[in-house]
């Protein structure tokens, strides 16, 4: 019985408070209904009840929505970053190509400005290969007999003497560098007019020997070809070590090549002068210097 009475009391209490809340709402609507329609009053009342709930939902949902938007934006940013990185790589490749072209233009301008001694005719050629090893001291050019090149001709660039042609085919030729031990060049020290011979050592400075020197040489003196086996006046290099002349002794020193032999690209072959010209001046004819042969055959090995 007590339990039944408690349940009835609870129901009465709930009904009482429900009626009280309903009365409060009706009173609110009555107060706000002055000049307003019932629909407006109901709308405002509903909004008053739901606004706090909506704010709470927004407070909870906004971070989640922002997180989802951030994830979507992150994926888009990753794609955009990859696209920009690809574009940067493309631009870097283009810049390298432009740099290479600019360097080629510079080299062409430099080699175009090279004038052979006595206005001798020349052929411009490009180095396209080196020897099998660094000890070979040879380079291969893309011009040959069809362009007027023969064995023995001098090869120069904008800095000075490179070497001489020692093998020729129709459209190719081989250059023996002045650093080769089998190449010797008759030279003249420009400051003293004394003559001598420089020869290669395989690498580094050239060996200078002056057999009849009456004056010493100084570091930095310019050395040029004397016109014996090469056209006269071509820059060979500069004296590295000061040396004094002594009667009855050979003056010996070293010469740094003027040409940057490790960096040569474009060269000029002086086709208006060959070793045969010098031999004829001396009354000697060496038939080996006029041979034209494929690059697989050695035609001239002497200096």
Protein backbone atom coordinates (compact mmCIF):
# COMPACT_ATOMS: atom_id res chain seq x y z
CA UNK A 1 0.00 0.00 0.00
CA UNK A 2 2.79 2.39 0.83
CA UNK A 3 4.44 1.73 -2.50
CA UNK A 4 1.23 2.44 -4.39
CA UNK A 5 0.73 5.70 -2.48
CA UNK A 6 4.35 6.74 -3.35
CA UNK A 7 3.85 6.16 -7.03
CA UNK A 8 0.65 8.22 -7.04
CA UNK A 9 2.46 10.98 -5.18
CA UNK A 10 5.25 11.00 -7.78
CA UNK A 11 2.75 11.16 -10.62
CA UNK A 12 0.94 14.02 -8.94
CA UNK A 13 4.22 15.81 -8.44
CA UNK A 14 5.27 15.35 -12.10
CA UNK A 15 1.80 16.47 -13.26
CA UNK A 16 2.01 19.52 -11.01
CA UNK A 17 5.36 20.65 -12.34
CA UNK A 18 4.30 19.97 -15.93
CA UNK A 19 1.22 22.13 -15.51
CA UNK A 20 3.37 24.77 -13.84
CA UNK A 21 5.81 24.82 -16.81
CA UNK A 22 2.93 24.94 -19.27
CA UNK A 23 1.41 27.82 -17.39
CA UNK A 24 4.74 29.64 -17.47
CA UNK A 25 4.97 29.22 -21.23
CA UNK A 26 1.41 30.41 -21.74
CA UNK A 27 2.13 33.42 -19.57
CA UNK A 28 5.24 34.14 -21.66
CA UNK A 29 3.30 33.93 -24.88
CA UNK A 30 0.63 36.23 -23.42
CA UNK A 31 3.22 38.82 -22.48
CA UNK A 32 4.93 38.70 -25.93
CA UNK A 33 1.66 38.47 -27.88
CA UNK A 34 1.04 42.18 -27.61
CA UNK A 35 1.24 43.34 -31.22
CA UNK A 36 2.58 40.00 -32.49
CA UNK A 37 0.90 37.03 -34.08
CA UNK A 38 0.72 33.72 -32.33
CA UNK A 39 3.10 32.23 -34.93
CA UNK A 40 5.73 34.86 -34.18
CA UNK A 41 5.40 34.29 -30.49
CA UNK A 42 5.74 30.52 -30.93
CA UNK A 43 8.74 30.99 -33.17
CA UNK A 44 10.48 33.26 -30.70
CA UNK A 45 9.71 30.95 -27.85
CA UNK A 46 11.04 27.94 -29.67
CA UNK A 47 14.16 29.90 -30.64
CA UNK A 48 14.71 30.89 -27.03
CA UNK A 49 14.62 27.25 -26.00
CA UNK A 50 16.71 25.88 -28.88
CA UNK A 51 19.40 28.59 -29.12
CA UNK A 52 21.48 27.32 -26.17
CA UNK A 53 21.20 23.79 -27.52
CA UNK A 54 22.33 24.92 -30.99
CA UNK A 55 25.30 26.78 -29.53
CA UNK A 56 26.33 23.66 -27.63
CA UNK A 57 26.10 21.54 -30.76
CA UNK A 58 28.17 24.12 -32.69
CA UNK A 59 30.77 24.20 -29.92
CA UNK A 60 31.17 20.41 -30.14
CA UNK A 61 30.89 20.06 -33.92
CA UNK A 62 33.09 23.00 -35.03
CA UNK A 63 36.45 21.41 -34.11
CA UNK A 64 35.47 18.18 -35.84
CA UNK A 65 34.44 20.05 -38.99
CA UNK A 66 37.64 22.11 -38.88
CA UNK A 67 39.68 18.91 -38.51
CA UNK A 68 38.00 17.33 -41.54
CA UNK A 69 38.53 20.49 -43.59
CA UNK A 70 42.18 20.57 -42.47
CA UNK A 71 42.74 16.99 -43.60
CA UNK A 72 41.21 17.77 -46.99
CA UNK A 73 43.33 20.93 -47.31
CA UNK A 74 46.47 19.01 -46.27
CA UNK A 75 45.95 16.52 -49.10
CA UNK A 76 45.48 19.39 -51.53
CA UNK A 77 48.61 21.13 -50.23
CA UNK A 78 50.60 17.92 -50.64
CA UNK A 79 49.52 17.66 -54.28
CA UNK A 80 50.35 21.32 -54.86
CA UNK A 81 53.77 20.89 -53.22
CA UNK A 82 54.58 17.93 -55.48
CA UNK A 83 53.48 19.93 -58.51
CA UNK A 84 55.67 22.86 -57.50
CA UNK A 85 58.64 20.57 -56.85
CA UNK A 86 58.25 19.07 -60.34
CA UNK A 87 58.15 22.57 -61.78
CA UNK A 88 61.28 23.56 -59.84
CA UNK A 89 63.13 20.54 -61.24
CA UNK A 90 62.01 21.49 -64.75
CA UNK A 91 63.21 25.06 -64.27
CA UNK A 92 66.55 23.86 -62.88
CA UNK A 93 67.03 21.62 -65.93
CA UNK A 94 66.16 24.53 -68.21
CA UNK A 95 68.63 26.74 -66.34
CA UNK A 96 71.38 24.14 -66.78
CA UNK A 97 70.60 23.91 -70.49
CA UNK A 98 70.69 27.69 -70.80
CA UNK A 99 73.98 27.80 -68.89
CA UNK A 100 75.48 25.20 -71.22
CA UNK A 101 74.30 27.14 -74.27
CA UNK A 102 75.70 30.37 -72.88
CA UNK A 103 79.03 28.66 -72.23
CA UNK A 104 79.06 27.34 -75.80
CA UNK A 105 78.36 30.85 -77.11
CA UNK A 106 81.25 32.20 -75.03
CA UNK A 107 83.57 29.48 -76.35
CA UNK A 108 82.48 30.18 -79.93
CA UNK A 109 83.12 33.89 -79.48
CA UNK A 110 86.53 33.22 -77.98
CA UNK A 111 87.64 30.77 -80.66
CA UNK A 112 86.24 33.03 -83.39
CA UNK A 113 88.51 35.78 -82.12
CA UNK A 114 91.65 33.66 -82.41
CA UNK A 115 93.88 34.89 -85.23
CA UNK A 116 96.56 32.62 -86.60
CA UNK A 117 100.06 34.08 -87.10
CA UNK A 118 100.60 35.75 -90.46
CA UNK A 119 96.83 35.47 -91.10
CA UNK A 120 97.15 31.79 -91.97
CA UNK A 121 93.89 29.96 -92.80
CA UNK A 122 92.35 27.85 -90.02
CA UNK A 123 89.61 25.28 -89.49
CA UNK A 124 87.49 25.38 -86.34
CA UNK A 125 86.83 21.97 -84.80
CA UNK A 126 85.33 20.54 -81.63
CA UNK A 127 86.98 18.08 -79.27
CA UNK A 128 84.68 15.06 -79.07
CA UNK A 129 86.82 12.47 -77.26
CA UNK A 130 89.97 11.91 -75.24
CA UNK A 131 92.42 9.05 -75.28
CA UNK A 132 91.62 5.76 -73.52
CA UNK A 133 93.70 6.86 -70.53
CA UNK A 134 94.96 10.14 -69.11
CA UNK A 135 98.50 9.11 -70.04
CA UNK A 136 97.76 9.11 -73.78
CA UNK A 137 97.78 12.94 -74.00
CA UNK A 138 95.59 12.94 -77.11
CA UNK A 139 92.27 14.45 -78.14
CA UNK A 140 90.01 13.71 -81.11
CA UNK A 141 88.37 16.42 -83.23
CA UNK A 142 85.41 16.30 -85.60
CA UNK A 143 87.24 17.61 -88.69
CA UNK A 144 89.66 15.76 -90.96
CA UNK A 145 91.18 15.51 -94.45
CA UNK A 146 87.96 16.62 -96.12
CA UNK A 147 88.40 19.96 -94.34
CA UNK A 148 92.04 20.48 -95.32
CA UNK A 149 93.63 18.97 -92.22
CA UNK A 150 96.88 17.00 -92.61
CA UNK A 151 99.38 15.48 -90.20
CA UNK A 152 101.75 17.91 -88.50
CA UNK A 153 99.52 20.97 -88.41
CA UNK A 154 99.44 23.12 -85.28
CA UNK A 155 96.32 23.23 -83.12
CA UNK A 156 95.51 26.28 -80.97
CA UNK A 157 92.74 27.82 -78.90
CA UNK A 158 92.21 31.29 -77.46
CA UNK A 159 94.94 30.75 -74.85
CA UNK A 160 97.73 29.33 -76.98
CA UNK A 161 99.24 26.16 -78.44
CA UNK A 162 97.34 22.92 -77.83
CA UNK A 163 99.44 20.46 -79.82
CA UNK A 164 99.72 19.08 -83.35
CA UNK A 165 97.75 16.76 -85.58
CA UNK A 166 99.26 13.29 -85.69
CA UNK A 167 96.48 11.14 -87.23
CA UNK A 168 93.92 12.05 -89.88
CA UNK A 169 90.93 10.38 -91.51
CA UNK A 170 88.33 11.84 -93.84
CA UNK A 171 86.23 13.57 -91.18
CA UNK A 172 88.23 13.12 -87.96
CA UNK A 173 91.69 13.79 -86.66
CA UNK A 174 93.75 13.14 -83.57
CA UNK A 175 95.67 15.82 -81.70
CA UNK A 176 98.85 15.02 -79.79
CA UNK A 177 98.98 17.46 -76.87
CA UNK A 178 102.12 19.42 -76.07
CA UNK A 179 102.26 17.63 -72.71
CA UNK A 180 103.03 14.36 -74.50
CA UNK A 181 106.64 13.21 -73.99
CA UNK A 182 106.97 12.58 -77.74
CA UNK A 183 106.14 16.17 -78.67
CA UNK A 184 108.81 18.87 -78.72
CA UNK A 185 108.33 22.49 -79.72
CA UNK A 186 110.95 25.00 -80.80
CA UNK A 187 110.41 28.14 -78.73
CA UNK A 188 111.70 31.64 -78.19
CA UNK A 189 111.74 33.54 -74.89
CA UNK A 190 110.04 36.75 -75.83
CA UNK A 191 111.90 39.00 -73.39
CA UNK A 192 115.41 37.90 -74.45
CA UNK A 193 114.83 36.46 -77.93
CA UNK A 194 116.82 33.38 -76.86
CA UNK A 195 115.67 30.09 -78.39
CA UNK A 196 115.25 26.62 -76.97
CA UNK A 197 113.01 23.56 -76.97
CA UNK A 198 110.12 22.58 -74.72
CA UNK A 199 108.94 18.99 -74.44
CA UNK A 200 106.15 17.27 -72.56
CA UNK A 201 106.46 15.28 -69.39
CA UNK A 202 103.11 13.55 -69.58
CA UNK A 203 101.55 15.99 -67.13
CA UNK A 204 102.24 19.29 -65.42
CA UNK A 205 104.79 21.88 -66.63
CA UNK A 206 106.78 21.39 -69.83
CA UNK A 207 110.55 20.90 -69.79
CA UNK A 208 112.50 23.85 -71.21
CA UNK A 209 116.04 23.38 -72.48
CA UNK A 210 118.16 26.14 -73.98
CA UNK A 211 121.45 24.84 -75.42
CA UNK A 212 123.13 28.10 -76.45
CA UNK A 213 121.63 30.58 -74.05
CA UNK A 214 123.71 33.63 -73.24
CA UNK A 215 121.12 35.25 -70.95
CA UNK A 216 119.16 33.91 -68.05
CA UNK A 217 115.37 33.65 -67.87
CA UNK A 218 113.00 34.81 -65.18
CA UNK A 219 109.80 33.44 -63.72
CA UNK A 220 106.85 34.74 -65.72
CA UNK A 221 108.73 35.23 -69.01
CA UNK A 222 106.50 34.50 -72.00
CA UNK A 223 107.53 31.67 -74.31
CA UNK A 224 106.30 31.51 -77.93
CA UNK A 225 106.92 29.24 -80.91
CA UNK A 226 110.03 30.08 -82.95
CA UNK A 227 108.68 29.09 -86.38
CA UNK A 228 110.56 25.80 -86.83
CA UNK A 229 107.93 23.05 -86.58
CA UNK A 230 105.04 25.39 -85.73
CA UNK A 231 104.08 28.82 -87.09
CA UNK A 232 106.01 31.55 -85.27
CA UNK A 233 104.60 33.65 -82.46
CA UNK A 234 102.06 31.19 -80.96
CA UNK A 235 101.97 31.46 -77.16
CA UNK A 236 103.24 28.27 -75.53
CA UNK A 237 103.34 29.28 -71.87
CA UNK A 238 105.25 31.12 -69.14
CA UNK A 239 108.50 30.28 -67.39
CA UNK A 240 107.96 28.73 -63.96
CA UNK A 241 111.49 28.85 -62.53
CA UNK A 242 114.15 31.51 -62.89
CA UNK A 243 117.42 30.10 -64.31
CA UNK A 244 120.82 31.57 -65.15
CA UNK A 245 122.82 30.85 -68.29
CA UNK A 246 126.22 29.24 -67.80
CA UNK A 247 128.84 28.85 -70.54
CA UNK A 248 129.11 25.26 -71.67
CA UNK A 249 125.96 24.18 -69.82
CA UNK A 250 122.38 23.71 -70.92
CA UNK A 251 119.97 26.14 -69.32
CA UNK A 252 117.02 24.14 -67.97
CA UNK A 253 113.73 25.30 -66.51
CA UNK A 254 109.99 24.60 -66.70
CA UNK A 255 107.13 26.21 -68.60
CA UNK A 256 103.46 26.24 -67.62
CA UNK A 257 101.30 25.68 -70.74
CA UNK A 258 99.13 28.69 -71.53
CA UNK A 259 96.26 26.53 -72.80
CA UNK A 260 94.03 24.93 -70.19
CA UNK A 261 94.43 21.47 -71.67
CA UNK A 262 91.95 19.81 -69.31
CA UNK A 263 89.18 22.19 -70.38
CA UNK A 264 89.60 22.56 -74.14
CA UNK A 265 86.47 22.25 -76.22
CA UNK A 266 86.72 24.25 -79.45
CA UNK A 267 90.05 24.54 -81.24
CA UNK A 268 91.50 25.89 -84.46
CA UNK A 269 93.74 23.87 -86.74
CA UNK A 270 96.16 26.07 -88.68
CA UNK A 271 95.88 24.48 -92.12
CA UNK A 272 98.09 27.04 -93.85
CA UNK A 273 101.24 25.71 -92.16
CA UNK A 274 102.54 22.23 -91.51
CA UNK A 275 105.78 20.53 -90.53
CA UNK A 276 106.49 20.08 -94.24
CA UNK A 277 106.75 23.86 -94.63
CA UNK A 278 109.46 24.02 -91.99
CA UNK A 279 111.29 21.06 -93.55
CA UNK A 280 111.25 22.72 -96.96
CA UNK A 281 112.69 25.87 -95.40
CA UNK A 282 115.53 23.73 -94.05
CA UNK A 283 115.90 21.84 -97.36
CA UNK A 284 114.56 18.58 -95.86
CA UNK A 285 111.44 16.70 -96.97
CA UNK A 286 109.84 14.14 -94.63
CA UNK A 287 107.24 12.19 -96.57
CA UNK A 288 105.61 10.86 -93.37
CA UNK A 289 104.18 14.30 -92.56
CA UNK A 290 101.96 14.32 -95.64
CA UNK A 291 100.30 10.96 -95.07
CA UNK A 292 96.55 10.80 -94.66
CA UNK A 293 95.36 7.69 -92.87
CA UNK A 294 92.46 6.38 -90.80
CA UNK A 295 92.62 6.98 -87.07
CA UNK A 296 93.52 3.35 -86.45
CA UNK A 297 96.95 3.83 -88.01
CA UNK A 298 99.82 5.78 -86.48
CA UNK A 299 101.34 8.12 -89.03
CA UNK A 300 103.62 10.44 -87.08
CA UNK A 301 105.11 9.92 -83.65
CA UNK A 302 108.09 12.27 -83.65
CA UNK A 303 108.08 15.82 -82.36
